[in-house]
N, C-alpha and C. Protein backbone atom coordinates (compact mmCIF):
# COMPACT_ATOMS: atom_id res chain seq x y z
N UNK A 1 0.84 -1.18 0.00
CA UNK A 1 0.00 0.00 0.00
C UNK A 1 0.89 1.25 0.00
N UNK A 2 0.54 2.20 -0.85
CA UNK A 2 1.33 3.43 -0.99
C UNK A 2 1.26 4.27 0.28
N UNK A 3 2.33 5.01 0.55
CA UNK A 3 2.32 5.89 1.70
C UNK A 3 1.25 6.96 1.51
N UNK A 4 0.75 7.47 2.61
CA UNK A 4 -0.42 8.35 2.58
C UNK A 4 -0.05 9.82 2.66
N UNK A 5 -0.99 10.64 2.23
CA UNK A 5 -0.88 12.08 2.35
C UNK A 5 -0.71 12.43 3.82
N UNK A 6 0.18 13.37 4.11
CA UNK A 6 0.46 13.78 5.48
C UNK A 6 1.65 13.06 6.09
N UNK A 7 2.16 12.04 5.40
CA UNK A 7 3.31 11.26 5.85
C UNK A 7 4.59 11.96 5.48
N UNK A 8 5.58 11.90 6.35
CA UNK A 8 6.91 12.40 6.00
C UNK A 8 7.46 11.47 4.92
N UNK A 9 7.91 12.04 3.82
CA UNK A 9 8.40 11.25 2.69
C UNK A 9 9.70 10.56 3.04
N UNK A 10 9.80 9.24 2.79
CA UNK A 10 11.08 8.57 2.98
C UNK A 10 12.14 9.20 2.07
N UNK A 11 13.33 9.36 2.59
CA UNK A 11 14.37 9.97 1.76
C UNK A 11 14.72 9.03 0.60
N UNK A 12 15.05 9.62 -0.50
CA UNK A 12 15.46 8.91 -1.70
C UNK A 12 16.93 9.25 -1.94
N UNK A 13 17.72 8.25 -2.17
CA UNK A 13 19.14 8.46 -2.50
C UNK A 13 19.49 7.46 -3.60
N UNK A 14 19.38 7.94 -4.84
CA UNK A 14 19.58 7.08 -6.00
C UNK A 14 20.45 7.77 -7.04
N UNK A 15 21.06 6.99 -7.92
CA UNK A 15 21.85 7.55 -9.01
C UNK A 15 20.95 7.87 -10.19
N UNK A 16 21.28 9.01 -10.83
CA UNK A 16 20.53 9.39 -12.02
C UNK A 16 21.16 8.77 -13.27
N UNK A 17 20.65 9.15 -14.41
CA UNK A 17 21.11 8.57 -15.67
C UNK A 17 22.56 8.93 -16.00
N UNK A 18 23.14 9.86 -15.26
CA UNK A 18 24.55 10.23 -15.47
C UNK A 18 25.46 9.68 -14.38
N UNK A 19 24.89 8.84 -13.51
CA UNK A 19 25.67 8.25 -12.43
C UNK A 19 25.84 9.15 -11.22
N UNK A 20 25.16 10.29 -11.20
CA UNK A 20 25.25 11.24 -10.09
C UNK A 20 24.23 10.87 -9.01
N UNK A 21 24.64 10.99 -7.76
CA UNK A 21 23.77 10.69 -6.64
C UNK A 21 22.79 11.85 -6.43
N UNK A 22 21.51 11.53 -6.35
CA UNK A 22 20.46 12.53 -6.12
C UNK A 22 19.74 12.12 -4.85
N UNK A 23 19.56 13.09 -3.96
CA UNK A 23 18.85 12.85 -2.69
C UNK A 23 17.61 13.73 -2.63
N UNK A 24 16.51 13.15 -2.23
CA UNK A 24 15.29 13.93 -2.04
C UNK A 24 15.53 15.02 -1.00
N UNK A 25 16.28 14.69 0.03
CA UNK A 25 16.53 15.65 1.11
C UNK A 25 17.30 16.89 0.64
N UNK A 26 17.98 16.80 -0.49
CA UNK A 26 18.70 17.97 -1.03
C UNK A 26 17.75 19.10 -1.42
N UNK A 27 16.49 18.79 -1.64
CA UNK A 27 15.51 19.79 -2.06
C UNK A 27 14.71 20.33 -0.90
N UNK A 28 14.85 19.73 0.28
CA UNK A 28 14.09 20.15 1.45
C UNK A 28 14.36 21.61 1.77
N UNK A 29 13.31 22.34 2.00
CA UNK A 29 13.42 23.77 2.30
C UNK A 29 13.59 24.63 1.07
N UNK A 30 13.83 24.01 -0.09
CA UNK A 30 14.09 24.76 -1.32
C UNK A 30 12.97 24.62 -2.36
N UNK A 31 12.54 23.37 -2.60
CA UNK A 31 11.58 23.10 -3.67
C UNK A 31 10.61 22.00 -3.26
N UNK A 32 9.42 22.07 -3.82
CA UNK A 32 8.51 20.93 -3.77
C UNK A 32 9.03 19.92 -4.78
N UNK A 33 8.71 18.65 -4.60
CA UNK A 33 9.19 17.60 -5.49
C UNK A 33 8.02 16.78 -6.01
N UNK A 34 8.02 16.57 -7.32
CA UNK A 34 7.11 15.60 -7.93
C UNK A 34 7.94 14.33 -8.09
N UNK A 35 7.64 13.33 -7.26
CA UNK A 35 8.35 12.06 -7.28
C UNK A 35 7.47 11.06 -8.01
N UNK A 36 7.91 10.68 -9.18
CA UNK A 36 7.10 9.87 -10.08
C UNK A 36 7.77 8.52 -10.30
N UNK A 37 7.06 7.46 -9.97
CA UNK A 37 7.55 6.10 -10.21
C UNK A 37 6.90 5.57 -11.48
N UNK A 38 7.69 4.89 -12.31
CA UNK A 38 7.15 4.30 -13.54
C UNK A 38 7.79 2.93 -13.73
N UNK A 39 7.10 2.01 -14.42
CA UNK A 39 7.59 0.63 -14.52
C UNK A 39 8.92 0.49 -15.26
N UNK A 40 8.97 0.81 -16.53
CA UNK A 40 10.19 0.56 -17.30
C UNK A 40 10.39 1.57 -18.42
N UNK A 41 11.63 1.95 -18.63
CA UNK A 41 12.00 2.78 -19.78
C UNK A 41 11.72 2.00 -21.06
N UNK A 42 11.52 2.72 -22.14
CA UNK A 42 11.34 2.17 -23.48
C UNK A 42 9.99 1.51 -23.72
N UNK A 43 9.09 1.53 -22.73
CA UNK A 43 7.77 0.94 -22.95
C UNK A 43 6.80 2.05 -23.36
N UNK A 44 5.73 1.68 -24.04
CA UNK A 44 4.84 2.65 -24.65
C UNK A 44 4.24 3.67 -23.71
N UNK A 45 3.55 3.22 -22.67
CA UNK A 45 2.88 4.15 -21.77
C UNK A 45 3.90 5.00 -21.02
N UNK A 46 4.98 4.37 -20.55
CA UNK A 46 6.02 5.11 -19.81
C UNK A 46 6.66 6.19 -20.70
N UNK A 47 6.99 5.82 -21.91
CA UNK A 47 7.59 6.78 -22.83
C UNK A 47 6.63 7.94 -23.07
N UNK A 48 5.36 7.63 -23.27
CA UNK A 48 4.37 8.68 -23.48
C UNK A 48 4.26 9.63 -22.30
N UNK A 49 4.21 9.07 -21.09
CA UNK A 49 4.12 9.91 -19.89
C UNK A 49 5.35 10.79 -19.71
N UNK A 50 6.53 10.19 -19.85
CA UNK A 50 7.76 10.94 -19.61
C UNK A 50 8.00 11.99 -20.69
N UNK A 51 7.60 11.71 -21.92
CA UNK A 51 7.72 12.71 -22.98
C UNK A 51 6.71 13.84 -22.80
N UNK A 52 5.53 13.54 -22.28
CA UNK A 52 4.55 14.58 -21.97
C UNK A 52 5.11 15.52 -20.90
N UNK A 53 5.79 14.96 -19.90
CA UNK A 53 6.45 15.79 -18.88
C UNK A 53 7.55 16.64 -19.52
N UNK A 54 8.32 16.04 -20.41
CA UNK A 54 9.37 16.77 -21.14
C UNK A 54 8.78 17.97 -21.87
N UNK A 55 7.63 17.76 -22.50
CA UNK A 55 7.01 18.82 -23.29
C UNK A 55 6.44 19.94 -22.43
N UNK A 56 6.22 19.68 -21.16
CA UNK A 56 5.70 20.68 -20.22
C UNK A 56 6.72 20.97 -19.11
N UNK A 57 7.99 20.73 -19.38
CA UNK A 57 9.02 20.75 -18.34
C UNK A 57 9.08 22.02 -17.50
N UNK A 58 8.93 23.22 -18.05
CA UNK A 58 9.00 24.41 -17.19
C UNK A 58 7.97 24.42 -16.06
N UNK A 59 6.90 23.66 -16.20
CA UNK A 59 5.90 23.59 -15.14
C UNK A 59 6.32 22.63 -14.03
N UNK A 60 7.28 21.74 -14.34
CA UNK A 60 7.69 20.71 -13.39
C UNK A 60 9.13 20.82 -12.91
N UNK A 61 9.91 21.66 -13.56
CA UNK A 61 11.28 21.92 -13.11
C UNK A 61 11.48 23.43 -13.21
N UNK A 62 11.46 24.09 -12.05
CA UNK A 62 11.60 25.54 -12.00
C UNK A 62 12.10 25.94 -10.60
N UNK A 63 11.99 27.18 -10.26
CA UNK A 63 12.50 27.66 -8.96
C UNK A 63 11.76 27.06 -7.77
N UNK A 64 10.54 26.57 -7.99
CA UNK A 64 9.72 26.06 -6.90
C UNK A 64 9.50 24.56 -6.90
N UNK A 65 9.76 23.90 -8.03
CA UNK A 65 9.43 22.48 -8.19
C UNK A 65 10.57 21.73 -8.86
N UNK A 66 10.78 20.48 -8.42
CA UNK A 66 11.75 19.58 -9.05
C UNK A 66 11.04 18.26 -9.36
N UNK A 67 11.19 17.79 -10.57
CA UNK A 67 10.66 16.51 -10.99
C UNK A 67 11.75 15.45 -10.86
N UNK A 68 11.43 14.34 -10.21
CA UNK A 68 12.32 13.19 -10.11
C UNK A 68 11.54 11.96 -10.55
N UNK A 69 11.99 11.30 -11.61
CA UNK A 69 11.32 10.11 -12.13
C UNK A 69 12.15 8.88 -11.76
N UNK A 70 11.49 7.86 -11.21
CA UNK A 70 12.18 6.69 -10.68
C UNK A 70 11.66 5.42 -11.36
N UNK A 71 12.59 4.59 -11.83
CA UNK A 71 12.22 3.26 -12.33
C UNK A 71 13.21 2.24 -11.79
N UNK A 72 12.93 0.99 -12.05
CA UNK A 72 13.81 -0.08 -11.60
C UNK A 72 14.82 -0.48 -12.67
N UNK A 73 14.96 0.35 -13.70
CA UNK A 73 15.96 0.12 -14.74
C UNK A 73 17.35 0.49 -14.24
N UNK A 74 18.37 -0.02 -14.91
CA UNK A 74 19.75 0.34 -14.56
C UNK A 74 20.03 1.78 -15.01
N UNK A 75 21.01 2.45 -14.38
CA UNK A 75 21.35 3.80 -14.81
C UNK A 75 21.80 3.84 -16.26
N UNK A 76 22.42 2.76 -16.74
CA UNK A 76 22.90 2.72 -18.12
C UNK A 76 21.73 2.73 -19.10
N UNK A 77 20.71 1.96 -18.80
CA UNK A 77 19.50 1.96 -19.64
C UNK A 77 18.83 3.33 -19.62
N UNK A 78 18.78 3.93 -18.43
CA UNK A 78 18.14 5.24 -18.30
C UNK A 78 18.88 6.31 -19.09
N UNK A 79 20.19 6.21 -19.16
CA UNK A 79 20.96 7.19 -19.92
C UNK A 79 20.61 7.11 -21.41
N UNK A 80 20.56 5.91 -21.94
CA UNK A 80 20.22 5.74 -23.35
C UNK A 80 18.78 6.21 -23.60
N UNK A 81 17.88 5.84 -22.71
CA UNK A 81 16.48 6.26 -22.83
C UNK A 81 16.37 7.78 -22.81
N UNK A 82 17.04 8.44 -21.87
CA UNK A 82 16.99 9.90 -21.76
C UNK A 82 17.54 10.56 -23.03
N UNK A 83 18.65 10.05 -23.52
CA UNK A 83 19.24 10.62 -24.74
C UNK A 83 18.31 10.42 -25.94
N UNK A 84 17.74 9.24 -26.06
CA UNK A 84 16.86 8.93 -27.18
C UNK A 84 15.61 9.80 -27.19
N UNK A 85 15.07 10.07 -26.01
CA UNK A 85 13.81 10.82 -25.91
C UNK A 85 13.99 12.30 -25.57
N UNK A 86 15.23 12.75 -25.38
CA UNK A 86 15.47 14.16 -25.04
C UNK A 86 14.97 14.53 -23.66
N UNK A 87 15.12 13.60 -22.70
CA UNK A 87 14.66 13.85 -21.33
C UNK A 87 15.79 14.47 -20.54
N UNK A 88 15.60 15.71 -20.09
CA UNK A 88 16.67 16.45 -19.42
C UNK A 88 16.44 16.60 -17.93
N UNK A 89 15.51 15.88 -17.39
CA UNK A 89 15.29 15.89 -15.94
C UNK A 89 15.82 14.57 -15.37
N UNK A 90 16.03 14.50 -14.06
CA UNK A 90 16.63 13.30 -13.47
C UNK A 90 15.75 12.06 -13.61
N UNK A 91 16.34 11.02 -14.18
CA UNK A 91 15.76 9.69 -14.19
C UNK A 91 16.57 8.87 -13.19
N UNK A 92 15.94 8.47 -12.11
CA UNK A 92 16.65 7.81 -11.02
C UNK A 92 16.49 6.29 -11.11
N UNK A 93 17.57 5.59 -10.83
CA UNK A 93 17.60 4.14 -10.93
C UNK A 93 17.43 3.49 -9.56
N UNK A 94 16.33 2.78 -9.40
CA UNK A 94 16.04 2.00 -8.20
C UNK A 94 16.35 0.53 -8.50
N UNK A 95 17.47 0.34 -9.20
CA UNK A 95 17.85 -0.98 -9.70
C UNK A 95 18.43 -1.87 -8.62
N UNK A 96 19.33 -1.29 -7.79
CA UNK A 96 19.97 -2.12 -6.76
C UNK A 96 20.19 -1.33 -5.50
N UNK A 97 19.83 -1.83 -4.33
CA UNK A 97 19.04 -3.04 -4.14
C UNK A 97 17.70 -2.89 -4.87
N UNK A 98 17.36 -3.91 -5.63
CA UNK A 98 16.24 -3.84 -6.56
C UNK A 98 14.94 -3.44 -5.89
N UNK A 99 14.43 -2.26 -6.28
CA UNK A 99 13.14 -1.80 -5.81
C UNK A 99 13.08 -1.30 -4.38
N UNK A 100 14.20 -1.04 -3.76
CA UNK A 100 14.21 -0.63 -2.35
C UNK A 100 13.40 0.64 -2.11
N UNK A 101 13.60 1.65 -2.95
CA UNK A 101 12.87 2.92 -2.77
C UNK A 101 11.41 2.73 -3.16
N UNK A 102 11.16 2.00 -4.24
CA UNK A 102 9.77 1.73 -4.65
C UNK A 102 9.01 1.03 -3.52
N UNK A 103 9.66 0.09 -2.85
CA UNK A 103 9.02 -0.58 -1.71
C UNK A 103 8.76 0.40 -0.57
N UNK A 104 9.70 1.29 -0.30
CA UNK A 104 9.54 2.27 0.79
C UNK A 104 8.31 3.15 0.55
N UNK A 105 7.99 3.40 -0.71
CA UNK A 105 6.82 4.22 -1.05
C UNK A 105 5.56 3.37 -1.29
N UNK A 106 5.71 2.05 -1.19
CA UNK A 106 4.57 1.16 -1.33
C UNK A 106 4.07 0.99 -2.75
N UNK A 107 4.96 1.16 -3.73
CA UNK A 107 4.53 1.06 -5.13
C UNK A 107 5.28 -0.01 -5.91
N UNK A 108 5.94 -0.95 -5.22
CA UNK A 108 6.66 -2.01 -5.91
C UNK A 108 5.75 -3.22 -6.09
N UNK A 109 5.62 -3.70 -7.30
CA UNK A 109 4.82 -4.88 -7.61
C UNK A 109 5.76 -6.08 -7.55
N UNK A 110 5.67 -6.85 -6.47
CA UNK A 110 6.57 -7.98 -6.25
C UNK A 110 6.44 -9.04 -7.36
N UNK A 111 5.24 -9.23 -7.85
CA UNK A 111 5.02 -10.25 -8.88
C UNK A 111 5.66 -9.85 -10.21
N UNK A 112 5.57 -8.58 -10.57
CA UNK A 112 6.11 -8.10 -11.84
C UNK A 112 7.57 -7.67 -11.72
N UNK A 113 8.03 -7.37 -10.50
CA UNK A 113 9.42 -6.95 -10.31
C UNK A 113 9.69 -5.52 -10.71
N UNK A 114 8.65 -4.67 -10.64
CA UNK A 114 8.84 -3.27 -11.02
C UNK A 114 7.87 -2.39 -10.22
N UNK A 115 8.11 -1.10 -10.32
CA UNK A 115 7.22 -0.14 -9.68
C UNK A 115 5.95 0.01 -10.52
N UNK A 116 4.83 0.25 -9.84
CA UNK A 116 3.61 0.64 -10.54
C UNK A 116 3.68 2.16 -10.73
N UNK A 117 2.67 2.73 -11.35
CA UNK A 117 2.67 4.17 -11.64
C UNK A 117 2.21 4.97 -10.41
N UNK A 118 3.15 5.27 -9.54
CA UNK A 118 2.85 6.04 -8.35
C UNK A 118 3.45 7.43 -8.45
N UNK A 119 2.69 8.43 -8.06
CA UNK A 119 3.18 9.80 -8.07
C UNK A 119 2.93 10.41 -6.69
N UNK A 120 3.95 11.08 -6.18
CA UNK A 120 3.88 11.71 -4.86
C UNK A 120 4.34 13.15 -5.00
N UNK A 121 3.52 14.08 -4.55
CA UNK A 121 3.95 15.48 -4.50
C UNK A 121 4.31 15.76 -3.05
N UNK A 122 5.56 16.18 -2.90
CA UNK A 122 6.16 16.37 -1.58
C UNK A 122 6.45 17.85 -1.41
N UNK A 123 6.00 18.43 -0.32
CA UNK A 123 6.20 19.86 -0.12
C UNK A 123 7.63 20.16 0.32
N UNK A 124 7.93 21.43 0.48
CA UNK A 124 9.29 21.87 0.83
C UNK A 124 9.75 21.36 2.19
N UNK A 125 8.80 20.96 3.03
CA UNK A 125 9.14 20.42 4.35
C UNK A 125 9.33 18.91 4.33
N UNK A 126 9.16 18.30 3.15
CA UNK A 126 9.36 16.85 3.04
C UNK A 126 8.15 16.02 3.39
N UNK A 127 6.96 16.63 3.34
CA UNK A 127 5.72 15.93 3.66
C UNK A 127 4.94 15.65 2.38
N UNK A 128 4.42 14.44 2.26
CA UNK A 128 3.61 14.06 1.09
C UNK A 128 2.28 14.82 1.17
N UNK A 129 1.98 15.61 0.14
CA UNK A 129 0.77 16.42 0.12
C UNK A 129 -0.28 15.93 -0.87
N UNK A 130 0.13 15.07 -1.81
CA UNK A 130 -0.80 14.55 -2.81
C UNK A 130 -0.20 13.28 -3.38
N UNK A 131 -1.05 12.33 -3.72
CA UNK A 131 -0.56 11.09 -4.30
C UNK A 131 -1.62 10.47 -5.20
N UNK A 132 -1.15 9.75 -6.19
CA UNK A 132 -2.02 8.95 -7.05
C UNK A 132 -1.23 7.71 -7.45
N UNK A 133 -1.92 6.57 -7.47
CA UNK A 133 -1.28 5.32 -7.90
C UNK A 133 -2.18 4.69 -8.96
N UNK A 134 -1.60 4.46 -10.12
CA UNK A 134 -2.32 3.83 -11.23
C UNK A 134 -1.70 2.47 -11.49
N UNK A 135 -2.50 1.59 -12.08
CA UNK A 135 -1.99 0.28 -12.48
C UNK A 135 -1.00 0.40 -13.64
N UNK A 136 -0.33 -0.67 -13.92
CA UNK A 136 0.70 -0.66 -14.97
C UNK A 136 0.22 -0.13 -16.31
N UNK A 137 -0.97 -0.50 -16.80
CA UNK A 137 -1.35 -0.03 -18.14
C UNK A 137 -2.00 1.34 -18.17
N UNK A 138 -2.21 1.97 -17.01
CA UNK A 138 -3.00 3.19 -16.94
C UNK A 138 -2.14 4.44 -16.81
N UNK A 139 -2.12 5.27 -17.85
CA UNK A 139 -1.36 6.52 -17.82
C UNK A 139 -1.98 7.51 -16.85
N UNK A 140 -1.16 8.41 -16.34
CA UNK A 140 -1.62 9.44 -15.41
C UNK A 140 -1.89 10.73 -16.17
N UNK A 141 -2.65 11.61 -15.55
CA UNK A 141 -3.02 12.90 -16.14
C UNK A 141 -2.14 14.01 -15.54
N UNK A 142 -1.33 14.63 -16.37
CA UNK A 142 -0.43 15.69 -15.89
C UNK A 142 -1.18 16.86 -15.29
N UNK A 143 -2.39 17.12 -15.74
CA UNK A 143 -3.16 18.23 -15.20
C UNK A 143 -3.46 18.02 -13.71
N UNK A 144 -3.59 16.75 -13.29
CA UNK A 144 -3.79 16.48 -11.87
C UNK A 144 -2.58 16.92 -11.06
N UNK A 145 -1.38 16.73 -11.60
CA UNK A 145 -0.14 17.15 -10.91
C UNK A 145 -0.15 18.67 -10.75
N UNK A 146 -0.50 19.36 -11.83
CA UNK A 146 -0.48 20.82 -11.82
C UNK A 146 -1.48 21.37 -10.81
N UNK A 147 -2.65 20.76 -10.75
CA UNK A 147 -3.65 21.18 -9.78
C UNK A 147 -3.14 20.99 -8.36
N UNK A 148 -2.54 19.84 -8.11
CA UNK A 148 -1.99 19.56 -6.77
C UNK A 148 -0.86 20.51 -6.43
N UNK A 149 0.03 20.77 -7.38
CA UNK A 149 1.13 21.72 -7.12
C UNK A 149 0.61 23.11 -6.82
N UNK A 150 -0.47 23.50 -7.53
CA UNK A 150 -1.05 24.82 -7.30
C UNK A 150 -1.65 24.99 -5.92
N UNK A 151 -1.96 23.88 -5.27
CA UNK A 151 -2.59 23.97 -3.94
C UNK A 151 -1.55 24.01 -2.81
N UNK A 152 -0.26 23.89 -3.14
CA UNK A 152 0.76 23.90 -2.07
C UNK A 152 0.96 25.28 -1.49
């Protein structure tokens, strides 16, 4: 079960597609974070969602907000995926220990071995203020993220 609104967000410490360590706590006090979990790079629905975010990037990466996308792919796969799709925001690898962060947020599907489509909006104090979890085949609506961010 996914963590609930009002919960202090578990810290995330994962490598991005360039091998750089990214910590959720680095944004505390500075920016709200859209923490988005997705199953796998290079798949149809995931590619569509991440490219839609790319196309609206100034709304999700700016002085007040940081987008962090997490999958269970290796950082090497994520680098190729980011280059292929022109994704310039952090793609974080929850590859090893496999799914550790996805499990901490309650969005790891043990049977499939990947994260489901979970999104968490975390305020500047590190508290989860909004969340949505969709099944593997169900894309999310970016307008819902914008509405939630506007209410912070």
